[in-house]
Amino acid sequence: MYDKAKICVVIPTFNASKTIHSVISTLPDWVDRIVVV
């Protein structure tokens, strides 16, 4: 359907050092880029 489309996930964070790993690890494999802000 979208052969050349790229998927980027933006994750806003604040004091998330204890939970950011679990959030990122649950993202699907088809996500091309992850931006943590």
C-alpha atoms as a PDB file:
ATOM      1  CA  MET A   1       0.000   0.000   0.000  1.00  0.00           C
ATOM      2  CA  TYR A   2       2.640   2.549   1.085  1.00  0.00           C
ATOM      3  CA  ASP A   3       5.846   0.917  -0.088  1.00  0.00           C
ATOM      4  CA  LYS A   4       7.996   4.010   0.384  1.00  0.00           C
ATOM      5  CA  ALA A   5       6.274   5.405   3.459  1.00  0.00           C
ATOM      6  CA  LYS A   6       8.256   5.769   6.663  1.00  0.00           C
ATOM      7  CA  ILE A   7       6.738   5.652  10.131  1.00  0.00           C
ATOM      8  CA  CYS A   8       8.180   7.826  12.881  1.00  0.00           C
ATOM      9  CA  VAL A   9       7.007   7.709  16.487  1.00  0.00           C
ATOM     10  CA  VAL A  10       7.584  10.764  18.686  1.00  0.00           C
ATOM     11  CA  ILE A  11       7.548  10.024  22.411  1.00  0.00           C
ATOM     12  CA  PRO A  12       7.357  13.058  24.701  1.00  0.00           C
ATOM     13  CA  THR A  13       8.971  12.323  28.051  1.00  0.00           C
ATOM     14  CA  PHE A  14       9.653  13.920  31.401  1.00  0.00           C
ATOM     15  CA  ASN A  15      11.419  11.979  34.161  1.00  0.00           C
ATOM     16  CA  ALA A  16      10.726   8.748  32.295  1.00  0.00           C
ATOM     17  CA  SER A  17      13.991   6.899  32.858  1.00  0.00           C
ATOM     18  CA  LYS A  18      12.226   4.047  34.674  1.00  0.00           C
ATOM     19  CA  THR A  19       9.574   3.472  32.004  1.00  0.00           C
ATOM     20  CA  ILE A  20      11.047   4.500  28.651  1.00  0.00           C
ATOM     21  CA  HIS A  21      12.498   1.053  27.933  1.00  0.00           C
ATOM     22  CA  SER A  22       9.132  -0.655  28.291  1.00  0.00           C
ATOM     23  CA  VAL A  23       7.473   1.967  26.075  1.00  0.00           C
ATOM     24  CA  ILE A  24      10.044   1.600  23.291  1.00  0.00           C
ATOM     25  CA  SER A  25      10.142  -2.187  23.483  1.00  0.00           C
ATOM     26  CA  THR A  26       6.383  -2.413  22.862  1.00  0.00           C
ATOM     27  CA  LEU A  27       6.533  -0.504  19.568  1.00  0.00           C
ATOM     28  CA  PRO A  28       5.820  -2.633  16.490  1.00  0.00           C
ATOM     29  CA  ASP A  29       8.606  -3.704  14.125  1.00  0.00           C
ATOM     30  CA  TRP A  30       7.287  -1.580  11.265  1.00  0.00           C
ATOM     31  CA  VAL A  31       8.251   1.661  13.047  1.00  0.00           C
ATOM     32  CA  ASP A  32      11.236   3.106  11.178  1.00  0.00           C
ATOM     33  CA  ARG A  33      12.328   5.836  13.576  1.00  0.00           C
ATOM     34  CA  ILE A  34      11.816   6.656  17.235  1.00  0.00           C
ATOM     35  CA  VAL A  35      12.280  10.194  18.513  1.00  0.00           C
ATOM     36  CA  VAL A  36      12.341  10.645  22.284  1.00  0.00           C
ATOM     37  CA  VAL A  37      11.866  14.257  23.322  1.00  0.00           C
END
